Amino acid sequence: MFAVSFQQKAQTNNSNTNTYVVLRVAKNMGYFSLDLFLDNNQQKDLYKSLNLDTLKLPDDNKEFTYILKGLNYMDKQGYDLVSSTAWTGPYHPLTREYVFRKKPLAK
């Protein structure tokens, strides 16, 4: 068992592995959130860090503008889009998640 766990740890610390992050866009009772989930249980609030709360937009176009701002931010950071999902629920009428991958830099 120790050999297996050591081998898995070595694989995750390999400098050749890709880095994955999740970008979640949610609308809850008229409020939007744009969160970025990183490695080691870290979370970044892109809604505030990109100053999206200062944008004056029509109500029917806000969600698409926020999504595009988030996707453009990820592109500028060097991430490639891997997959996306969207769903609705009783408390979250709109939730979208985007999974991004960043390849390691060649040495």
PDB file of N, CA and C in Angstrom:
ATOM      1  N   MET A   1       0.816  -1.193   0.000  1.00  0.00           N
ATOM      2  CA  MET A   1       0.000   0.000   0.000  1.00  0.00           C
ATOM      3  C   MET A   1       0.861   1.259   0.000  1.00  0.00           C
ATOM      4  N   PHE A   2       1.961   1.236   0.739  1.00  0.00           N
ATOM      5  CA  PHE A   2       2.830   2.412   0.771  1.00  0.00           C
ATOM      6  C   PHE A   2       3.461   2.674  -0.592  1.00  0.00           C
ATOM      7  N   ALA A   3       3.804   1.609  -1.282  1.00  0.00           N
ATOM      8  CA  ALA A   3       4.416   1.770  -2.601  1.00  0.00           C
ATOM      9  C   ALA A   3       3.426   2.376  -3.574  1.00  0.00           C
ATOM     10  N   VAL A   4       2.162   1.987  -3.494  1.00  0.00           N
ATOM     11  CA  VAL A   4       1.143   2.520  -4.392  1.00  0.00           C
ATOM     12  C   VAL A   4       0.903   3.996  -4.120  1.00  0.00           C
ATOM     13  N   SER A   5       0.782   4.357  -2.838  1.00  0.00           N
ATOM     14  CA  SER A   5       0.540   5.765  -2.520  1.00  0.00           C
ATOM     15  C   SER A   5       1.753   6.621  -2.864  1.00  0.00           C
ATOM     16  N   PHE A   6       2.958   6.086  -2.711  1.00  0.00           N
ATOM     17  CA  PHE A   6       4.152   6.837  -3.087  1.00  0.00           C
ATOM     18  C   PHE A   6       4.184   7.049  -4.593  1.00  0.00           C
ATOM     19  N   GLN A   7       3.805   6.017  -5.348  1.00  0.00           N
ATOM     20  CA  GLN A   7       3.804   6.128  -6.800  1.00  0.00           C
ATOM     21  C   GLN A   7       2.782   7.163  -7.257  1.00  0.00           C
ATOM     22  N   GLN A   8       1.594   7.192  -6.657  1.00  0.00           N
ATOM     23  CA  GLN A   8       0.579   8.168  -7.030  1.00  0.00           C
ATOM     24  C   GLN A   8       1.043   9.575  -6.689  1.00  0.00           C
ATOM     25  N   LYS A   9       1.683   9.739  -5.557  1.00  0.00           N
ATOM     26  CA  LYS A   9       2.171  11.055  -5.179  1.00  0.00           C
ATOM     27  C   LYS A   9       3.235  11.522  -6.172  1.00  0.00           C
ATOM     28  N   ALA A  10       4.091  10.631  -6.577  1.00  0.00           N
ATOM     29  CA  ALA A  10       5.131  10.991  -7.532  1.00  0.00           C
ATOM     30  C   ALA A  10       4.518  11.409  -8.863  1.00  0.00           C
ATOM     31  N   GLN A  11       3.438  10.773  -9.251  1.00  0.00           N
ATOM     32  CA  GLN A  11       2.804  11.116 -10.516  1.00  0.00           C
ATOM     33  C   GLN A  11       2.149  12.490 -10.454  1.00  0.00           C
ATOM     34  N   THR A  12       1.534  12.842  -9.342  1.00  0.00           N
ATOM     35  CA  THR A  12       0.860  14.135  -9.255  1.00  0.00           C
ATOM     36  C   THR A  12       1.850  15.283  -9.129  1.00  0.00           C
ATOM     37  N   ASN A  13       3.047  15.014  -8.644  1.00  0.00           N
ATOM     38  CA  ASN A  13       4.052  16.064  -8.519  1.00  0.00           C
ATOM     39  C   ASN A  13       4.949  16.159  -9.748  1.00  0.00           C
ATOM     40  N   ASN A  14       4.692  15.380 -10.746  1.00  0.00           N
ATOM     41  CA  ASN A  14       5.483  15.388 -11.964  1.00  0.00           C
ATOM     42  C   ASN A  14       5.326  16.734 -12.671  1.00  0.00           C
ATOM     43  N   SER A  15       6.436  17.301 -13.098  1.00  0.00           N
ATOM     44  CA  SER A  15       6.373  18.610 -13.751  1.00  0.00           C
ATOM     45  C   SER A  15       5.788  18.525 -15.152  1.00  0.00           C
ATOM     46  N   ASN A  16       5.568  17.320 -15.668  1.00  0.00           N
ATOM     47  CA  ASN A  16       5.004  17.153 -17.002  1.00  0.00           C
ATOM     48  C   ASN A  16       3.482  17.028 -16.993  1.00  0.00           C
ATOM     49  N   THR A  17       2.863  17.048 -15.837  1.00  0.00           N
ATOM     50  CA  THR A  17       1.410  16.899 -15.777  1.00  0.00           C
ATOM     51  C   THR A  17       0.734  18.236 -16.054  1.00  0.00           C
ATOM     52  N   ASN A  18      -0.470  18.147 -16.536  1.00  0.00           N
ATOM     53  CA  ASN A  18      -1.261  19.344 -16.822  1.00  0.00           C
ATOM     54  C   ASN A  18      -1.865  19.899 -15.545  1.00  0.00           C
ATOM     55  N   THR A  19      -2.154  21.183 -15.550  1.00  0.00           N
ATOM     56  CA  THR A  19      -2.849  21.839 -14.451  1.00  0.00           C
ATOM     57  C   THR A  19      -4.286  22.070 -14.885  1.00  0.00           C
ATOM     58  N   TYR A  20      -5.236  21.685 -14.039  1.00  0.00           N
ATOM     59  CA  TYR A  20      -6.655  21.858 -14.352  1.00  0.00           C
ATOM     60  C   TYR A  20      -7.296  22.824 -13.361  1.00  0.00           C
ATOM     61  N   VAL A  21      -8.199  23.648 -13.851  1.00  0.00           N
ATOM     62  CA  VAL A  21      -8.981  24.550 -13.011  1.00  0.00           C
ATOM     63  C   VAL A  21     -10.424  24.525 -13.493  1.00  0.00           C
ATOM     64  N   VAL A  22     -11.327  24.911 -12.604  1.00  0.00           N
ATOM     65  CA  VAL A  22     -12.755  24.958 -12.935  1.00  0.00           C
ATOM     66  C   VAL A  22     -13.241  26.385 -12.760  1.00  0.00           C
ATOM     67  N   LEU A  23     -13.896  26.897 -13.787  1.00  0.00           N
ATOM     68  CA  LEU A  23     -14.528  28.219 -13.743  1.00  0.00           C
ATOM     69  C   LEU A  23     -16.026  27.999 -13.639  1.00  0.00           C
ATOM     70  N   ARG A  24     -16.643  28.510 -12.571  1.00  0.00           N
ATOM     71  CA  ARG A  24     -18.077  28.335 -12.368  1.00  0.00           C
ATOM     72  C   ARG A  24     -18.780  29.678 -12.419  1.00  0.00           C
ATOM     73  N   VAL A  25     -19.787  29.759 -13.282  1.00  0.00           N
ATOM     74  CA  VAL A  25     -20.628  30.946 -13.400  1.00  0.00           C
ATOM     75  C   VAL A  25     -22.008  30.552 -12.894  1.00  0.00           C
ATOM     76  N   ALA A  26     -22.491  31.251 -11.894  1.00  0.00           N
ATOM     77  CA  ALA A  26     -23.791  30.911 -11.315  1.00  0.00           C
ATOM     78  C   ALA A  26     -24.636  32.162 -11.157  1.00  0.00           C
ATOM     79  N   LYS A  27     -25.918  31.991 -11.361  1.00  0.00           N
ATOM     80  CA  LYS A  27     -26.886  33.054 -11.130  1.00  0.00           C
ATOM     81  C   LYS A  27     -27.841  32.543 -10.062  1.00  0.00           C
ATOM     82  N   ASN A  28     -27.930  33.282  -8.965  1.00  0.00           N
ATOM     83  CA  ASN A  28     -28.746  32.866  -7.843  1.00  0.00           C
ATOM     84  C   ASN A  28     -29.596  34.043  -7.398  1.00  0.00           C
ATOM     85  N   MET A  29     -30.888  33.979  -7.660  1.00  0.00           N
ATOM     86  CA  MET A  29     -31.825  35.019  -7.247  1.00  0.00           C
ATOM     87  C   MET A  29     -31.414  36.396  -7.772  1.00  0.00           C
ATOM     88  N   GLY A  30     -30.919  36.459  -9.013  1.00  0.00           N
ATOM     89  CA  GLY A  30     -30.537  37.721  -9.621  1.00  0.00           C
ATOM     90  C   GLY A  30     -29.102  38.130  -9.382  1.00  0.00           C
ATOM     91  N   TYR A  31     -28.382  37.422  -8.529  1.00  0.00           N
ATOM     92  CA  TYR A  31     -26.981  37.733  -8.253  1.00  0.00           C
ATOM     93  C   TYR A  31     -26.085  36.761  -9.004  1.00  0.00           C
ATOM     94  N   PHE A  32     -24.989  37.268  -9.518  1.00  0.00           N
ATOM     95  CA  PHE A  32     -24.062  36.443 -10.266  1.00  0.00           C
ATOM     96  C   PHE A  32     -22.817  36.164  -9.442  1.00  0.00           C
ATOM     97  N   SER A  33     -22.238  35.017  -9.687  1.00  0.00           N
ATOM     98  CA  SER A  33     -20.928  34.712  -9.115  1.00  0.00           C
ATOM     99  C   SER A  33     -20.068  34.125 -10.216  1.00  0.00           C
ATOM    100  N   LEU A  34     -18.810  34.432 -10.170  1.00  0.00           N
ATOM    101  CA  LEU A  34     -17.837  33.938 -11.131  1.00  0.00           C
ATOM    102  C   LEU A  34     -16.641  33.481 -10.312  1.00  0.00           C
ATOM    103  N   ASP A  35     -16.563  32.179 -10.061  1.00  0.00           N
ATOM    104  CA  ASP A  35     -15.545  31.632  -9.174  1.00  0.00           C
ATOM    105  C   ASP A  35     -14.594  30.730  -9.946  1.00  0.00           C
ATOM    106  N   LEU A  36     -13.342  30.792  -9.578  1.00  0.00           N
ATOM    107  CA  LEU A  36     -12.308  29.965 -10.167  1.00  0.00           C
ATOM    108  C   LEU A  36     -11.790  29.041  -9.075  1.00  0.00           C
ATOM    109  N   PHE A  37     -11.857  27.734  -9.319  1.00  0.00           N
ATOM    110  CA  PHE A  37     -11.407  26.741  -8.355  1.00  0.00           C
ATOM    111  C   PHE A  37     -10.079  26.171  -8.839  1.00  0.00           C
ATOM    112  N   LEU A  38      -9.061  26.320  -7.998  1.00  0.00           N
ATOM    113  CA  LEU A  38      -7.688  25.942  -8.329  1.00  0.00           C
ATOM    114  C   LEU A  38      -7.262  24.733  -7.512  1.00  0.00           C
ATOM    115  N   ASP A  39      -6.015  24.319  -7.718  1.00  0.00           N
ATOM    116  CA  ASP A  39      -5.428  23.223  -6.951  1.00  0.00           C
ATOM    117  C   ASP A  39      -5.359  23.565  -5.468  1.00  0.00           C
ATOM    118  N   ASN A  40      -5.185  22.555  -4.652  1.00  0.00           N
ATOM    119  CA  ASN A  40      -5.023  22.697  -3.199  1.00  0.00           C
ATOM    120  C   ASN A  40      -6.202  23.407  -2.548  1.00  0.00           C
ATOM    121  N   ASN A  41      -7.402  23.179  -3.073  1.00  0.00           N
ATOM    122  CA  ASN A  41      -8.634  23.699  -2.479  1.00  0.00           C
ATOM    123  C   ASN A  41      -8.656  25.228  -2.420  1.00  0.00           C
ATOM    124  N   GLN A  42      -8.069  25.882  -3.407  1.00  0.00           N
ATOM    125  CA  GLN A  42      -8.064  27.336  -3.470  1.00  0.00           C
ATOM    126  C   GLN A  42      -9.214  27.807  -4.350  1.00  0.00           C
ATOM    127  N   GLN A  43      -9.750  28.967  -4.007  1.00  0.00           N
ATOM    128  CA  GLN A  43     -10.849  29.557  -4.767  1.00  0.00           C
ATOM    129  C   GLN A  43     -10.558  31.039  -4.964  1.00  0.00           C
ATOM    130  N   LYS A  44     -10.854  31.517  -6.177  1.00  0.00           N
ATOM    131  CA  LYS A  44     -10.647  32.930  -6.483  1.00  0.00           C
ATOM    132  C   LYS A  44     -11.964  33.501  -7.001  1.00  0.00           C
ATOM    133  N   ASP A  45     -12.373  34.627  -6.447  1.00  0.00           N
ATOM    134  CA  ASP A  45     -13.607  35.290  -6.855  1.00  0.00           C
ATOM    135  C   ASP A  45     -13.303  36.225  -8.017  1.00  0.00           C
ATOM    136  N   LEU A  46     -13.535  35.746  -9.245  1.00  0.00           N
ATOM    137  CA  LEU A  46     -13.253  36.565 -10.424  1.00  0.00           C
ATOM    138  C   LEU A  46     -14.251  37.696 -10.586  1.00  0.00           C
ATOM    139  N   TYR A  47     -15.454  37.533 -10.045  1.00  0.00           N
ATOM    140  CA  TYR A  47     -16.460  38.578 -10.152  1.00  0.00           C
ATOM    141  C   TYR A  47     -15.945  39.888  -9.544  1.00  0.00           C
ATOM    142  N   LYS A  48     -15.297  39.768  -8.395  1.00  0.00           N
ATOM    143  CA  LYS A  48     -14.756  40.966  -7.744  1.00  0.00           C
ATOM    144  C   LYS A  48     -13.395  41.357  -8.297  1.00  0.00           C
ATOM    145  N   SER A  49     -12.544  40.383  -8.567  1.00  0.00           N
ATOM    146  CA  SER A  49     -11.195  40.732  -9.024  1.00  0.00           C
ATOM    147  C   SER A  49     -11.191  41.303 -10.440  1.00  0.00           C
ATOM    148  N   LEU A  50     -12.174  40.961 -11.271  1.00  0.00           N
ATOM    149  CA  LEU A  50     -12.290  41.549 -12.612  1.00  0.00           C
ATOM    150  C   LEU A  50     -13.191  42.781 -12.625  1.00  0.00           C
ATOM    151  N   ASN A  51     -13.665  43.202 -11.444  1.00  0.00           N
ATOM    152  CA  ASN A  51     -14.530  44.383 -11.288  1.00  0.00           C
ATOM    153  C   ASN A  51     -15.807  44.294 -12.120  1.00  0.00           C
ATOM    154  N   LEU A  52     -16.391  43.101 -12.202  1.00  0.00           N
ATOM    155  CA  LEU A  52     -17.613  42.931 -12.977  1.00  0.00           C
ATOM    156  C   LEU A  52     -18.812  43.582 -12.306  1.00  0.00           C
ATOM    157  N   ASP A  53     -18.714  43.832 -11.005  1.00  0.00           N
ATOM    158  CA  ASP A  53     -19.821  44.484 -10.299  1.00  0.00           C
ATOM    159  C   ASP A  53     -19.960  45.946 -10.703  1.00  0.00           C
ATOM    160  N   THR A  54     -18.959  46.498 -11.379  1.00  0.00           N
ATOM    161  CA  THR A  54     -19.031  47.901 -11.801  1.00  0.00           C
ATOM    162  C   THR A  54     -19.593  48.067 -13.212  1.00  0.00           C
ATOM    163  N   LEU A  55     -19.803  46.958 -13.929  1.00  0.00           N
ATOM    164  CA  LEU A  55     -20.331  47.043 -15.292  1.00  0.00           C
ATOM    165  C   LEU A  55     -21.810  47.393 -15.267  1.00  0.00           C
ATOM    166  N   LYS A  56     -22.201  48.320 -16.094  1.00  0.00           N
ATOM    167  CA  LYS A  56     -23.610  48.686 -16.244  1.00  0.00           C
ATOM    168  C   LYS A  56     -24.131  48.005 -17.502  1.00  0.00           C
ATOM    169  N   LEU A  57     -24.868  46.924 -17.313  1.00  0.00           N
ATOM    170  CA  LEU A  57     -25.338  46.118 -18.440  1.00  0.00           C
ATOM    171  C   LEU A  57     -26.846  45.925 -18.367  1.00  0.00           C
ATOM    172  N   PRO A  58     -27.492  45.735 -19.520  1.00  0.00           N
ATOM    173  CA  PRO A  58     -28.915  45.372 -19.494  1.00  0.00           C
ATOM    174  C   PRO A  58     -29.100  44.013 -18.815  1.00  0.00           C
ATOM    175  N   ASP A  59     -30.200  43.840 -18.127  1.00  0.00           N
ATOM    176  CA  ASP A  59     -30.431  42.614 -17.366  1.00  0.00           C
ATOM    177  C   ASP A  59     -30.405  41.362 -18.225  1.00  0.00           C
ATOM    178  N   ASP A  60     -30.860  41.449 -19.471  1.00  0.00           N
ATOM    179  CA  ASP A  60     -30.943  40.241 -20.284  1.00  0.00           C
ATOM    180  C   ASP A  60     -29.600  39.817 -20.880  1.00  0.00           C
ATOM    181  N   ASN A  61     -28.561  40.628 -20.790  1.00  0.00           N
ATOM    182  CA  ASN A  61     -27.262  40.281 -21.374  1.00  0.00           C
ATOM    183  C   ASN A  61     -26.150  40.092 -20.347  1.00  0.00           C
ATOM    184  N   LYS A  62     -26.441  40.241 -19.083  1.00  0.00           N
ATOM    185  CA  LYS A  62     -25.391  40.178 -18.073  1.00  0.00           C
ATOM    186  C   LYS A  62     -24.681  38.836 -18.050  1.00  0.00           C
ATOM    187  N   GLU A  63     -25.426  37.757 -18.036  1.00  0.00           N
ATOM    188  CA  GLU A  63     -24.797  36.444 -17.870  1.00  0.00           C
ATOM    189  C   GLU A  63     -23.817  36.141 -18.996  1.00  0.00           C
ATOM    190  N   PHE A  64     -24.152  36.512 -20.225  1.00  0.00           N
ATOM    191  CA  PHE A  64     -23.263  36.228 -21.342  1.00  0.00           C
ATOM    192  C   PHE A  64     -22.002  37.089 -21.277  1.00  0.00           C
ATOM    193  N   THR A  65     -22.138  38.328 -20.857  1.00  0.00           N
ATOM    194  CA  THR A  65     -20.973  39.198 -20.716  1.00  0.00           C
ATOM    195  C   THR A  65     -20.043  38.665 -19.638  1.00  0.00           C
ATOM    196  N   TYR A  66     -20.590  38.214 -18.509  1.00  0.00           N
ATOM    197  CA  TYR A  66     -19.764  37.664 -17.436  1.00  0.00           C
ATOM    198  C   TYR A  66     -19.046  36.408 -17.891  1.00  0.00           C
ATOM    199  N   ILE A  67     -19.759  35.558 -18.617  1.00  0.00           N
ATOM    200  CA  ILE A  67     -19.143  34.328 -19.120  1.00  0.00           C
ATOM    201  C   ILE A  67     -17.997  34.664 -20.065  1.00  0.00           C
ATOM    202  N   LEU A  68     -18.227  35.589 -20.989  1.00  0.00           N
ATOM    203  CA  LEU A  68     -17.176  35.963 -21.935  1.00  0.00           C
ATOM    204  C   LEU A  68     -15.979  36.598 -21.232  1.00  0.00           C
ATOM    205  N   LYS A  69     -16.218  37.416 -20.228  1.00  0.00           N
ATOM    206  CA  LYS A  69     -15.111  38.021 -19.470  1.00  0.00           C
ATOM    207  C   LYS A  69     -14.293  36.932 -18.777  1.00  0.00           C
ATOM    208  N   GLY A  70     -14.984  35.938 -18.212  1.00  0.00           N
ATOM    209  CA  GLY A  70     -14.287  34.833 -17.552  1.00  0.00           C
ATOM    210  C   GLY A  70     -13.498  33.986 -18.534  1.00  0.00           C
ATOM    211  N   LEU A  71     -14.086  33.682 -19.689  1.00  0.00           N
ATOM    212  CA  LEU A  71     -13.391  32.889 -20.706  1.00  0.00           C
ATOM    213  C   LEU A  71     -12.186  33.641 -21.261  1.00  0.00           C
ATOM    214  N   ASN A  72     -12.324  34.944 -21.492  1.00  0.00           N
ATOM    215  CA  ASN A  72     -11.194  35.751 -21.969  1.00  0.00           C
ATOM    216  C   ASN A  72     -10.073  35.803 -20.936  1.00  0.00           C
ATOM    217  N   TYR A  73     -10.436  35.903 -19.657  1.00  0.00           N
ATOM    218  CA  TYR A  73      -9.438  35.910 -18.595  1.00  0.00           C
ATOM    219  C   TYR A  73      -8.646  34.602 -18.605  1.00  0.00           C
ATOM    220  N   MET A  74      -9.347  33.485 -18.740  1.00  0.00           N
ATOM    221  CA  MET A  74      -8.675  32.188 -18.743  1.00  0.00           C
ATOM    222  C   MET A  74      -7.763  32.054 -19.956  1.00  0.00           C
ATOM    223  N   ASP A  75      -8.195  32.556 -21.093  1.00  0.00           N
ATOM    224  CA  ASP A  75      -7.377  32.509 -22.302  1.00  0.00           C
ATOM    225  C   ASP A  75      -6.099  33.321 -22.114  1.00  0.00           C
ATOM    226  N   LYS A  76      -6.210  34.484 -21.510  1.00  0.00           N
ATOM    227  CA  LYS A  76      -5.031  35.325 -21.264  1.00  0.00           C
ATOM    228  C   LYS A  76      -4.063  34.678 -20.285  1.00  0.00           C
ATOM    229  N   GLN A  77      -4.578  33.816 -19.398  1.00  0.00           N
ATOM    230  CA  GLN A  77      -3.731  33.118 -18.435  1.00  0.00           C
ATOM    231  C   GLN A  77      -3.051  31.891 -19.051  1.00  0.00           C
ATOM    232  N   GLY A  78      -3.405  31.564 -20.299  1.00  0.00           N
ATOM    233  CA  GLY A  78      -2.765  30.446 -20.985  1.00  0.00           C
ATOM    234  C   GLY A  78      -3.467  29.117 -20.834  1.00  0.00           C
ATOM    235  N   TYR A  79      -4.735  29.134 -20.445  1.00  0.00           N
ATOM    236  CA  TYR A  79      -5.489  27.894 -20.272  1.00  0.00           C
ATOM    237  C   TYR A  79      -6.292  27.571 -21.534  1.00  0.00           C
ATOM    238  N   ASP A  80      -6.464  26.282 -21.796  1.00  0.00           N
ATOM    239  CA  ASP A  80      -7.280  25.799 -22.904  1.00  0.00           C
ATOM    240  C   ASP A  80      -8.555  25.179 -22.354  1.00  0.00           C
ATOM    241  N   LEU A  81      -9.680  25.461 -22.986  1.00  0.00           N
ATOM    242  CA  LEU A  81     -10.968  24.905 -22.564  1.00  0.00           C
ATOM    243  C   LEU A  81     -11.015  23.416 -22.890  1.00  0.00           C
ATOM    244  N   VAL A  82     -11.364  22.600 -21.893  1.00  0.00           N
ATOM    245  CA  VAL A  82     -11.447  21.155 -22.068  1.00  0.00           C
ATOM    246  C   VAL A  82     -12.900  20.722 -22.203  1.00  0.00           C
ATOM    247  N   SER A  83     -13.755  21.176 -21.286  1.00  0.00           N
ATOM    248  CA  SER A  83     -15.167  20.793 -21.336  1.00  0.00           C
ATOM    249  C   SER A  83     -16.012  21.843 -20.623  1.00  0.00           C
ATOM    250  N   SER A  84     -17.310  21.764 -20.865  1.00  0.00           N
ATOM    251  CA  SER A  84     -18.222  22.680 -20.191  1.00  0.00           C
ATOM    252  C   SER A  84     -19.538  21.964 -19.937  1.00  0.00           C
ATOM    253  N   THR A  85     -20.200  22.376 -18.869  1.00  0.00           N
ATOM    254  CA  THR A  85     -21.516  21.846 -18.530  1.00  0.00           C
ATOM    255  C   THR A  85     -22.399  23.005 -18.106  1.00  0.00           C
ATOM    256  N   ALA A  86     -23.693  22.800 -18.249  1.00  0.00           N
ATOM    257  CA  ALA A  86     -24.662  23.802 -17.798  1.00  0.00           C
ATOM    258  C   ALA A  86     -25.856  23.063 -17.221  1.00  0.00           C
ATOM    259  N   TRP A  87     -26.425  23.602 -16.150  1.00  0.00           N
ATOM    260  CA  TRP A  87     -27.620  23.016 -15.566  1.00  0.00           C
ATOM    261  C   TRP A  87     -28.420  24.083 -14.852  1.00  0.00           C
ATOM    262  N   THR A  88     -29.659  23.751 -14.601  1.00  0.00           N
ATOM    263  CA  THR A  88     -30.534  24.629 -13.839  1.00  0.00           C
ATOM    264  C   THR A  88     -31.089  23.847 -12.660  1.00  0.00           C
ATOM    265  N   GLY A  89     -31.462  24.570 -11.645  1.00  0.00           N
ATOM    266  CA  GLY A  89     -32.023  23.959 -10.453  1.00  0.00           C
ATOM    267  C   GLY A  89     -32.943  24.936  -9.761  1.00  0.00           C
ATOM    268  N   PRO A  90     -33.609  24.501  -8.699  1.00  0.00           N
ATOM    269  CA  PRO A  90     -34.575  25.391  -8.032  1.00  0.00           C
ATOM    270  C   PRO A  90     -33.941  26.621  -7.391  1.00  0.00           C
ATOM    271  N   TYR A  91     -32.721  26.513  -6.892  1.00  0.00           N
ATOM    272  CA  TYR A  91     -32.090  27.654  -6.235  1.00  0.00           C
ATOM    273  C   TYR A  91     -31.014  28.299  -7.101  1.00  0.00           C
ATOM    274  N   HIS A  92     -30.624  27.635  -8.151  1.00  0.00           N
ATOM    275  CA  HIS A  92     -29.635  28.167  -9.093  1.00  0.00           C
ATOM    276  C   HIS A  92     -30.211  28.045 -10.497  1.00  0.00           C
ATOM    277  N   PRO A  93     -30.931  29.067 -10.962  1.00  0.00           N
ATOM    278  CA  PRO A  93     -31.556  28.968 -12.282  1.00  0.00           C
ATOM    279  C   PRO A  93     -30.548  28.818 -13.420  1.00  0.00           C
ATOM    280  N   LEU A  94     -29.334  29.264 -13.222  1.00  0.00           N
ATOM    281  CA  LEU A  94     -28.310  29.116 -14.246  1.00  0.00           C
ATOM    282  C   LEU A  94     -26.984  28.812 -13.569  1.00  0.00           C
ATOM    283  N   THR A  95     -26.392  27.687 -13.901  1.00  0.00           N
ATOM    284  CA  THR A  95     -25.052  27.372 -13.430  1.00  0.00           C
ATOM    285  C   THR A  95     -24.291  26.754 -14.584  1.00  0.00           C
ATOM    286  N   ARG A  96     -23.121  27.279 -14.849  1.00  0.00           N
ATOM    287  CA  ARG A  96     -22.257  26.748 -15.904  1.00  0.00           C
ATOM    288  C   ARG A  96     -20.880  26.527 -15.311  1.00  0.00           C
ATOM    289  N   GLU A  97     -20.282  25.415 -15.693  1.00  0.00           N
ATOM    290  CA  GLU A  97     -18.919  25.117 -15.264  1.00  0.00           C
ATOM    291  C   GLU A  97     -18.062  24.835 -16.487  1.00  0.00           C
ATOM    292  N   TYR A  98     -16.884  25.401 -16.464  1.00  0.00           N
ATOM    293  CA  TYR A  98     -15.915  25.218 -17.544  1.00  0.00           C
ATOM    294  C   TYR A  98     -14.647  24.645 -16.940  1.00  0.00           C
ATOM    295  N   VAL A  99     -14.134  23.584 -17.544  1.00  0.00           N
ATOM    296  CA  VAL A  99     -12.885  22.971 -17.096  1.00  0.00           C
ATOM    297  C   VAL A  99     -11.798  23.383 -18.076  1.00  0.00           C
ATOM    298  N   PHE A 100     -10.716  23.913 -17.520  1.00  0.00           N
ATOM    299  CA  PHE A 100      -9.587  24.372 -18.322  1.00  0.00           C
ATOM    300  C   PHE A 100      -8.341  23.578 -17.978  1.00  0.00           C
ATOM    301  N   ARG A 101      -7.450  23.471 -18.954  1.00  0.00           N
ATOM    302  CA  ARG A 101      -6.183  22.772 -18.773  1.00  0.00           C
ATOM    303  C   ARG A 101      -5.052  23.691 -19.222  1.00  0.00           C
ATOM    304  N   LYS A 102      -3.979  23.647 -18.454  1.00  0.00           N
ATOM    305  CA  LYS A 102      -2.783  24.397 -18.816  1.00  0.00           C
ATOM    306  C   LYS A 102      -1.632  23.398 -18.896  1.00  0.00           C
ATOM    307  N   LYS A 103      -1.020  23.341 -20.064  1.00  0.00           N
ATOM    308  CA  LYS A 103       0.093  22.429 -20.245  1.00  0.00           C
ATOM    309  C   LYS A 103       1.335  23.016 -19.589  1.00  0.00           C
ATOM    310  N   PRO A 104       2.199  22.129 -19.067  1.00  0.00           N
ATOM    311  CA  PRO A 104       3.426  22.645 -18.434  1.00  0.00           C
ATOM    312  C   PRO A 104       4.343  23.285 -19.462  1.00  0.00           C
ATOM    313  N   LEU A 105       5.087  24.256 -19.027  1.00  0.00           N
ATOM    314  CA  LEU A 105       6.036  24.940 -19.911  1.00  0.00           C
ATOM    315  C   LEU A 105       7.206  24.015 -20.218  1.00  0.00           C
ATOM    316  N   ALA A 106       7.628  24.002 -21.453  1.00  0.00           N
ATOM    317  CA  ALA A 106       8.767  23.186 -21.848  1.00  0.00           C
ATOM    318  C   ALA A 106      10.049  23.768 -21.260  1.00  0.00           C
ATOM    319  N   LYS A 107      10.899  22.893 -20.779  1.00  0.00           N
ATOM    320  CA  LYS A 107      12.165  23.359 -20.169  1.00  0.00           C
ATOM    321  C   LYS A 107      13.289  23.265 -21.148  1.00  0.00           C
TER     322      LYS A 107
END
